[in-house]
Amino acid sequence: MDAAFGPIERAIACGPVPGAAAAVGDGRDERTACFGRTETDGPAVTPETWYDLASLTKVLCTVPLLLEAVSTGRIDPQAPLRDTLPEIAWLQERPNLGDTTVLQLATHTSGLAAWKPLYTLGLNRATLFAQLLHTRPERPPGAIVYSDLGYMLLGYLLERLYEQPLDALARGLLARVGLDEAIAFQPPADAPLAPTERCPWRSRVLRGEVHDENAAAFGGVAGHAGLFGTLRGVCGYVRALLECRLQPAAVLAYASQEHARAEPPDHERRGFGWVLAHPGWSGGDLMSPRSIGHTGFTGTGVWIDLERGRYTVLLSNSVHPSRHVESNIVRLRRAFNNAAHAA
């Protein structure tokens, strides 16, 4: 077995994660490996197994669509939201979302809470968005607090801006590089699926329906979660990004700039949507300072070393059969990236 995949092979052999698909690539070569099964008694994992990508939705869908709007002048990332969303311009009580900028939402520095159980309200999609627009920041802007709420708002902003559903916008973006059948908000009905967990709220094991409860309440399509994809699809996306087939080089350069930095003793750095390399991050210790990445709660991750043109992808369903079973996915991500960049 390729040494780059050793940590994954060992983790699947002795741990609770049922299976995984992974890749290491650059401009010349791509190596892939699949381990285990989709579930204990399920089929073997292959490069065509569909995984719930969770928060990779942020960087594979919401961020590139926002960057396109910024680069074409449709959005000023530093202008207050009231300039783009007239429905919040009338909000009087301060602070409110009217003062918040797209850049603050994209970098998780808006002051919004990390999460709220909106799915428990039992509201339809339109009413949930109305509820979201009345959400007030909990702290002054500036500090990094990873917020799903912010990306729900960004998904809504894109739908309002383009007057199209977010899944249609994503489909158009992915179709440009021939990936709309390998990454989607709704996987094909006959696709080989890796289940996530048994959801107490929905009283069933989730297969092909989004794991994130709030995304499910939004109909499975949201700016923070909802995408599914295969290893082939996610690797194809990263190659398109590196080869500037998805968007111009200047757009990627802007996304990978440092737009926010945590206060010491934390080391976290944020680009436009992407996490930037810093001590202790999920990309391990061997990637260059010009590296970006993102992870997903279900057990997924993408990392790109822009200096070396090298990338790693890990897709797993580490929340299966339950998020409450320790999967050691945080340790596995770092170990995989260290092995991949040492090999």
Protein backbone atom coordinates (compact mmCIF):
# COMPACT_ATOMS: atom_id res chain seq x y z
CA MET A 1 0.00 0.00 0.00
CA ASP A 2 1.13 3.54 -0.82
CA ALA A 3 2.61 5.02 2.38
CA ALA A 4 0.51 8.15 1.91
CA PHE A 5 -2.63 6.16 2.70
CA GLY A 6 -1.18 4.16 5.60
CA PRO A 7 -2.93 6.13 8.36
CA ILE A 8 -6.31 5.66 6.67
CA GLU A 9 -5.78 1.94 6.11
CA ARG A 10 -4.87 1.44 9.76
CA ALA A 11 -7.75 3.58 11.02
CA ILE A 12 -10.33 1.66 8.99
CA ALA A 13 -8.85 -1.69 10.04
CA CYS A 14 -9.03 -1.02 13.77
CA GLY A 15 -11.48 1.84 14.27
CA PRO A 16 -15.19 2.59 14.19
CA VAL A 17 -15.14 4.34 10.78
CA PRO A 18 -16.55 1.82 8.29
CA GLY A 19 -14.75 3.07 5.18
CA ALA A 20 -13.11 5.93 3.32
CA ALA A 21 -11.95 7.11 -0.09
CA ALA A 22 -8.86 9.29 -0.42
CA ALA A 23 -6.58 10.89 -2.98
CA VAL A 24 -3.21 12.60 -3.26
CA GLY A 25 -2.49 14.52 -6.44
CA ASP A 26 -0.63 17.24 -8.26
CA GLY A 27 -0.47 18.54 -11.81
CA ARG A 28 1.18 15.36 -13.09
CA ASP A 29 -0.25 12.47 -11.11
CA GLU A 30 -3.16 11.44 -8.91
CA ARG A 31 -3.17 8.43 -6.60
CA THR A 32 -6.41 7.20 -5.08
CA ALA A 33 -7.26 4.51 -2.56
CA CYS A 34 -10.47 3.17 -1.06
CA PHE A 35 -10.83 1.26 2.19
CA GLY A 36 -13.53 -0.65 4.00
CA ARG A 37 -17.25 -0.58 3.36
CA THR A 38 -20.01 1.99 3.28
CA GLU A 39 -21.33 0.36 6.48
CA THR A 40 -20.64 -2.84 8.39
CA ASP A 41 -22.59 -5.10 6.03
CA GLY A 42 -22.54 -2.75 3.03
CA PRO A 43 -20.67 -2.79 -0.28
CA ALA A 44 -16.99 -1.90 -0.58
CA VAL A 45 -16.14 1.77 -0.94
CA THR A 46 -15.14 2.83 -4.47
CA PRO A 47 -14.19 6.15 -6.11
CA GLU A 48 -17.86 6.35 -7.19
CA THR A 49 -19.33 6.06 -3.68
CA TRP A 50 -21.36 9.15 -2.83
CA TYR A 51 -20.61 10.84 0.49
CA ASP A 52 -22.40 13.61 2.36
CA LEU A 53 -19.84 16.42 2.00
CA ALA A 54 -21.29 18.48 4.90
CA SER A 55 -19.43 21.79 5.29
CA LEU A 56 -17.39 21.24 2.13
CA THR A 57 -20.56 22.74 0.65
CA LYS A 58 -19.25 26.09 1.85
CA VAL A 59 -16.09 26.00 -0.29
CA LEU A 60 -17.31 23.86 -3.20
CA CYS A 61 -20.51 25.83 -3.81
CA THR A 62 -21.19 28.95 -1.75
CA VAL A 63 -17.70 30.45 -1.83
CA PRO A 64 -17.07 30.14 -5.60
CA LEU A 65 -20.52 31.56 -6.37
CA LEU A 66 -19.85 34.50 -4.04
CA LEU A 67 -16.40 35.04 -5.52
CA GLU A 68 -17.91 35.16 -8.98
CA ALA A 69 -20.38 37.80 -7.81
CA VAL A 70 -17.52 39.78 -6.25
CA SER A 71 -15.27 39.54 -9.31
CA THR A 72 -18.05 40.70 -11.64
CA GLY A 73 -19.01 43.61 -9.40
CA ARG A 74 -22.41 42.26 -8.37
CA ILE A 75 -21.39 42.24 -4.71
CA ASP A 76 -19.09 44.53 -2.75
CA PRO A 77 -17.72 42.19 -0.06
CA GLN A 78 -17.18 45.09 2.34
CA ALA A 79 -20.56 46.79 1.88
CA PRO A 80 -23.28 46.26 4.51
CA LEU A 81 -25.88 43.62 3.71
CA ARG A 82 -28.65 46.22 3.69
CA ASP A 83 -27.21 47.43 0.37
CA THR A 84 -27.87 44.02 -1.21
CA LEU A 85 -30.86 42.77 0.78
CA PRO A 86 -33.50 45.50 1.00
CA GLU A 87 -35.68 43.28 3.18
CA ILE A 88 -33.33 43.85 6.12
CA ALA A 89 -32.75 47.56 5.50
CA TRP A 90 -35.73 48.46 7.70
CA LEU A 91 -34.43 46.64 10.80
CA GLN A 92 -34.03 49.27 13.51
CA GLU A 93 -32.76 47.52 16.63
CA ARG A 94 -28.97 47.45 16.68
CA PRO A 95 -26.89 45.47 16.17
CA ASN A 96 -28.61 43.77 13.24
CA LEU A 97 -27.62 41.96 10.08
CA GLY A 98 -27.97 45.12 8.02
CA ASP A 99 -24.57 46.23 9.33
CA THR A 100 -22.89 42.91 8.55
CA THR A 101 -20.74 42.48 5.42
CA VAL A 102 -20.34 39.53 3.06
CA LEU A 103 -16.64 39.41 3.95
CA GLN A 104 -17.46 39.10 7.64
CA LEU A 105 -19.89 36.26 6.94
CA ALA A 106 -17.42 34.50 4.63
CA THR A 107 -14.60 34.72 7.18
CA HIS A 108 -16.77 33.82 10.20
CA THR A 109 -16.08 37.19 11.83
CA SER A 110 -19.63 38.60 11.77
CA GLY A 111 -20.37 38.08 15.46
CA LEU A 112 -23.15 35.58 14.70
CA ALA A 113 -23.60 32.52 16.88
CA ALA A 114 -22.05 29.31 15.64
CA TRP A 115 -25.38 27.51 15.35
CA LYS A 116 -29.03 27.52 16.32
CA PRO A 117 -31.48 24.58 16.14
CA LEU A 118 -33.69 26.21 13.52
CA TYR A 119 -34.97 22.80 12.43
CA THR A 120 -36.91 22.49 15.69
CA LEU A 121 -39.16 25.40 14.72
CA GLY A 122 -41.10 23.32 12.20
CA LEU A 123 -41.18 26.13 9.63
CA ASN A 124 -41.10 26.02 5.84
CA ARG A 125 -38.05 27.22 3.91
CA ALA A 126 -39.29 30.76 3.25
CA THR A 127 -40.30 31.28 6.88
CA LEU A 128 -36.99 29.88 8.10
CA PHE A 129 -35.14 32.43 5.98
CA ALA A 130 -37.35 35.19 7.40
CA GLN A 131 -36.46 33.97 10.89
CA LEU A 132 -32.78 33.92 9.96
CA LEU A 133 -32.85 37.51 8.72
CA HIS A 134 -33.98 38.61 12.18
CA THR A 135 -31.03 36.90 13.87
CA ARG A 136 -28.86 39.41 15.69
CA PRO A 137 -25.08 39.14 16.11
CA GLU A 138 -24.12 38.02 19.60
CA ARG A 139 -20.81 39.87 19.75
CA PRO A 140 -19.02 42.71 17.93
CA PRO A 141 -17.54 41.72 14.56
CA GLY A 142 -13.89 40.73 14.34
CA ALA A 143 -13.31 37.55 16.32
CA ILE A 144 -13.41 34.26 14.41
CA VAL A 145 -16.39 32.16 15.47
CA TYR A 146 -17.17 29.43 12.93
CA SER A 147 -20.82 30.02 12.06
CA ASP A 148 -23.17 27.88 10.00
CA LEU A 149 -25.73 30.67 10.35
CA GLY A 150 -23.51 33.00 8.34
CA TYR A 151 -23.34 30.58 5.42
CA MET A 152 -27.08 29.97 5.53
CA LEU A 153 -27.40 33.72 5.02
CA LEU A 154 -24.87 33.71 2.19
CA GLY A 155 -26.84 30.98 0.43
CA TYR A 156 -29.97 33.09 0.77
CA LEU A 157 -28.09 36.13 -0.54
CA LEU A 158 -27.03 34.22 -3.66
CA GLU A 159 -30.59 33.07 -4.34
CA ARG A 160 -31.85 36.63 -4.04
CA LEU A 161 -29.03 38.05 -6.14
CA TYR A 162 -29.40 35.63 -9.05
CA GLU A 163 -33.13 34.89 -8.62
CA GLN A 164 -32.42 31.17 -8.83
CA PRO A 165 -32.40 28.33 -6.28
CA LEU A 166 -28.99 27.55 -4.84
CA ASP A 167 -28.99 24.01 -6.21
CA ALA A 168 -29.54 25.36 -9.73
CA LEU A 169 -26.67 27.82 -9.27
CA ALA A 170 -24.42 25.01 -8.04
CA ARG A 171 -25.41 22.79 -10.95
CA GLY A 172 -24.50 25.54 -13.42
CA LEU A 173 -21.15 26.15 -11.74
CA LEU A 174 -20.23 22.46 -11.70
CA ALA A 175 -21.45 21.84 -15.25
CA ARG A 176 -18.79 24.22 -16.57
CA VAL A 177 -16.13 21.72 -15.57
CA GLY A 178 -18.18 18.57 -16.23
CA LEU A 179 -18.78 17.71 -12.57
CA ASP A 180 -22.53 18.22 -12.17
CA GLU A 181 -23.05 14.44 -12.19
CA ALA A 182 -20.35 13.80 -9.55
CA ILE A 183 -21.20 16.57 -7.05
CA ALA A 184 -24.81 17.58 -6.35
CA PHE A 185 -27.28 18.57 -3.68
CA GLN A 186 -29.29 15.45 -4.52
CA PRO A 187 -27.34 12.31 -5.43
CA PRO A 188 -28.79 10.07 -8.16
CA ALA A 189 -31.47 7.68 -6.93
CA ASP A 190 -29.43 4.62 -7.91
CA ALA A 191 -26.08 5.95 -6.64
CA PRO A 192 -23.95 3.88 -4.24
CA LEU A 193 -24.35 5.82 -0.98
CA ALA A 194 -22.39 5.92 2.27
CA PRO A 195 -24.96 6.38 5.06
CA THR A 196 -24.30 8.81 7.88
CA GLU A 197 -26.14 8.10 11.12
CA ARG A 198 -29.50 7.23 12.54
CA CYS A 199 -31.14 10.62 13.06
CA PRO A 200 -33.33 10.85 16.20
CA TRP A 201 -35.23 13.79 14.68
CA ARG A 202 -36.08 11.87 11.49
CA SER A 203 -36.15 8.38 13.10
CA ARG A 204 -34.14 6.70 10.35
CA VAL A 205 -30.63 6.03 9.07
CA LEU A 206 -29.77 8.76 6.60
CA ARG A 207 -28.89 7.61 3.09
CA GLY A 208 -28.73 10.23 0.38
CA GLU A 209 -30.41 12.87 2.52
CA VAL A 210 -28.40 15.56 4.22
CA HIS A 211 -27.06 14.79 7.68
CA ASP A 212 -27.17 18.40 8.92
CA GLU A 213 -30.55 18.99 10.54
CA ASN A 214 -30.79 22.68 9.65
CA ALA A 215 -29.92 21.96 6.02
CA ALA A 216 -32.63 19.29 6.01
CA ALA A 217 -35.13 21.85 7.32
CA PHE A 218 -34.21 24.06 4.35
CA GLY A 219 -35.15 21.20 2.02
CA GLY A 220 -31.64 19.77 1.74
CA VAL A 221 -30.27 22.85 -0.05
CA ALA A 222 -28.40 25.44 2.01
CA GLY A 223 -25.26 27.54 1.88
CA HIS A 224 -23.58 25.73 4.75
CA ALA A 225 -24.32 22.06 3.98
CA GLY A 226 -26.21 19.78 1.62
CA LEU A 227 -23.80 18.79 -1.14
CA PHE A 228 -23.00 15.15 -1.84
CA GLY A 229 -20.13 13.96 -3.98
CA THR A 230 -17.76 11.21 -5.03
CA LEU A 231 -13.98 11.06 -4.77
CA ARG A 232 -13.79 11.48 -8.53
CA GLY A 233 -15.97 14.57 -8.34
CA VAL A 234 -14.16 16.30 -5.49
CA CYS A 235 -10.73 15.60 -7.01
CA GLY A 236 -11.98 16.92 -10.34
CA TYR A 237 -13.15 20.09 -8.61
CA VAL A 238 -9.75 20.66 -7.01
CA ARG A 239 -7.94 20.11 -10.32
CA ALA A 240 -10.29 22.58 -12.03
CA LEU A 241 -9.55 25.09 -9.29
CA LEU A 242 -5.78 24.68 -9.59
CA GLU A 243 -5.88 24.78 -13.39
CA CYS A 244 -8.02 27.96 -13.32
CA ARG A 245 -10.77 26.24 -15.32
CA LEU A 246 -13.34 27.00 -12.64
CA GLN A 247 -12.40 30.63 -12.03
CA PRO A 248 -9.50 32.95 -12.94
CA ALA A 249 -6.24 32.80 -10.98
CA ALA A 250 -6.91 36.22 -9.46
CA VAL A 251 -10.11 34.91 -7.86
CA LEU A 252 -8.28 32.02 -6.18
CA ALA A 253 -5.55 34.44 -5.09
CA TYR A 254 -8.16 36.63 -3.39
CA ALA A 255 -9.81 33.64 -1.72
CA SER A 256 -6.48 32.41 -0.34
CA GLN A 257 -5.38 35.76 1.08
CA GLU A 258 -5.49 36.18 4.83
CA HIS A 259 -8.69 38.07 5.59
CA ALA A 260 -8.95 37.22 9.29
CA ARG A 261 -6.66 36.02 12.07
CA ALA A 262 -7.55 34.75 15.52
CA GLU A 263 -6.23 36.46 18.62
CA PRO A 264 -3.35 34.70 20.45
CA PRO A 265 -3.01 32.09 21.79
CA ASP A 266 -5.08 30.74 18.89
CA HIS A 267 -3.40 30.49 15.49
CA GLU A 268 -6.38 30.19 13.15
CA ARG A 269 -6.24 32.15 9.88
CA ARG A 270 -9.06 32.58 7.41
CA GLY A 271 -9.21 33.33 3.74
CA PHE A 272 -12.47 33.98 1.89
CA GLY A 273 -14.22 30.84 3.08
CA TRP A 274 -11.10 28.69 3.17
CA VAL A 275 -9.04 27.89 6.26
CA LEU A 276 -5.41 28.96 5.78
CA ALA A 277 -2.50 26.83 7.00
CA HIS A 278 -1.61 27.46 10.64
CA PRO A 279 -0.09 25.47 13.51
CA GLY A 280 -2.32 22.60 14.57
CA TRP A 281 -4.69 22.76 11.61
CA SER A 282 -6.30 19.77 9.91
CA GLY A 283 -3.75 19.87 7.06
CA GLY A 284 -0.97 18.62 9.31
CA ASP A 285 2.55 19.98 9.69
CA LEU A 286 4.18 19.55 6.27
CA MET A 287 2.13 21.69 3.90
CA SER A 288 3.53 25.06 2.85
CA PRO A 289 2.27 28.31 4.43
CA ARG A 290 0.41 28.93 1.14
CA SER A 291 -2.04 26.10 1.76
CA ILE A 292 -5.81 26.15 2.14
CA GLY A 293 -8.33 23.58 3.25
CA HIS A 294 -11.70 22.82 4.76
CA THR A 295 -13.37 19.96 6.57
CA GLY A 296 -16.89 18.58 6.88
CA PHE A 297 -18.55 17.27 10.05
CA THR A 298 -19.47 13.93 8.44
CA GLY A 299 -15.77 13.03 8.04
CA THR A 300 -14.68 14.82 4.88
CA GLY A 301 -11.83 17.16 4.00
CA VAL A 302 -10.03 18.90 1.15
CA TRP A 303 -6.57 20.47 1.36
CA ILE A 304 -4.59 22.28 -1.35
CA ASP A 305 -0.94 23.35 -1.21
CA LEU A 306 -0.94 26.27 -3.63
CA GLU A 307 2.84 26.66 -3.54
CA ARG A 308 3.48 23.06 -4.62
CA GLY A 309 0.29 22.49 -6.61
CA ARG A 310 -0.46 19.43 -4.50
CA TYR A 311 -3.77 18.36 -2.99
CA THR A 312 -5.27 15.77 -0.68
CA VAL A 313 -8.88 14.65 -0.37
CA LEU A 314 -10.46 12.47 2.31
CA LEU A 315 -14.09 11.32 2.16
CA SER A 316 -15.52 9.21 4.96
CA ASN A 317 -18.70 8.73 6.95
CA SER A 318 -17.05 8.92 10.35
CA VAL A 319 -20.38 9.85 11.97
CA HIS A 320 -21.71 6.36 11.12
CA PRO A 321 -23.33 4.77 13.02
CA SER A 322 -23.40 7.72 15.44
CA ARG A 323 -21.66 11.07 15.93
CA HIS A 324 -21.38 10.14 19.60
CA VAL A 325 -18.94 7.28 18.89
CA GLU A 326 -15.34 8.54 18.97
CA SER A 327 -13.95 8.19 15.44
CA ASN A 328 -10.61 10.01 15.90
CA ILE A 329 -11.30 11.78 12.60
CA VAL A 330 -9.44 14.92 13.74
CA ARG A 331 -6.28 12.91 14.37
CA LEU A 332 -6.75 10.91 11.16
CA ARG A 333 -6.95 14.03 8.98
CA ARG A 334 -3.64 15.34 10.29
CA ALA A 335 -1.95 11.94 10.11
CA PHE A 336 -3.11 11.43 6.51
CA ASN A 337 -1.87 14.83 5.41
CA ASN A 338 1.48 14.36 7.11
CA ALA A 339 1.91 10.95 5.47
CA ALA A 340 0.80 12.26 2.08
CA HIS A 341 3.25 15.15 2.10
CA ALA A 342 6.12 13.05 3.47
CA ALA A 343 5.70 10.31 0.87
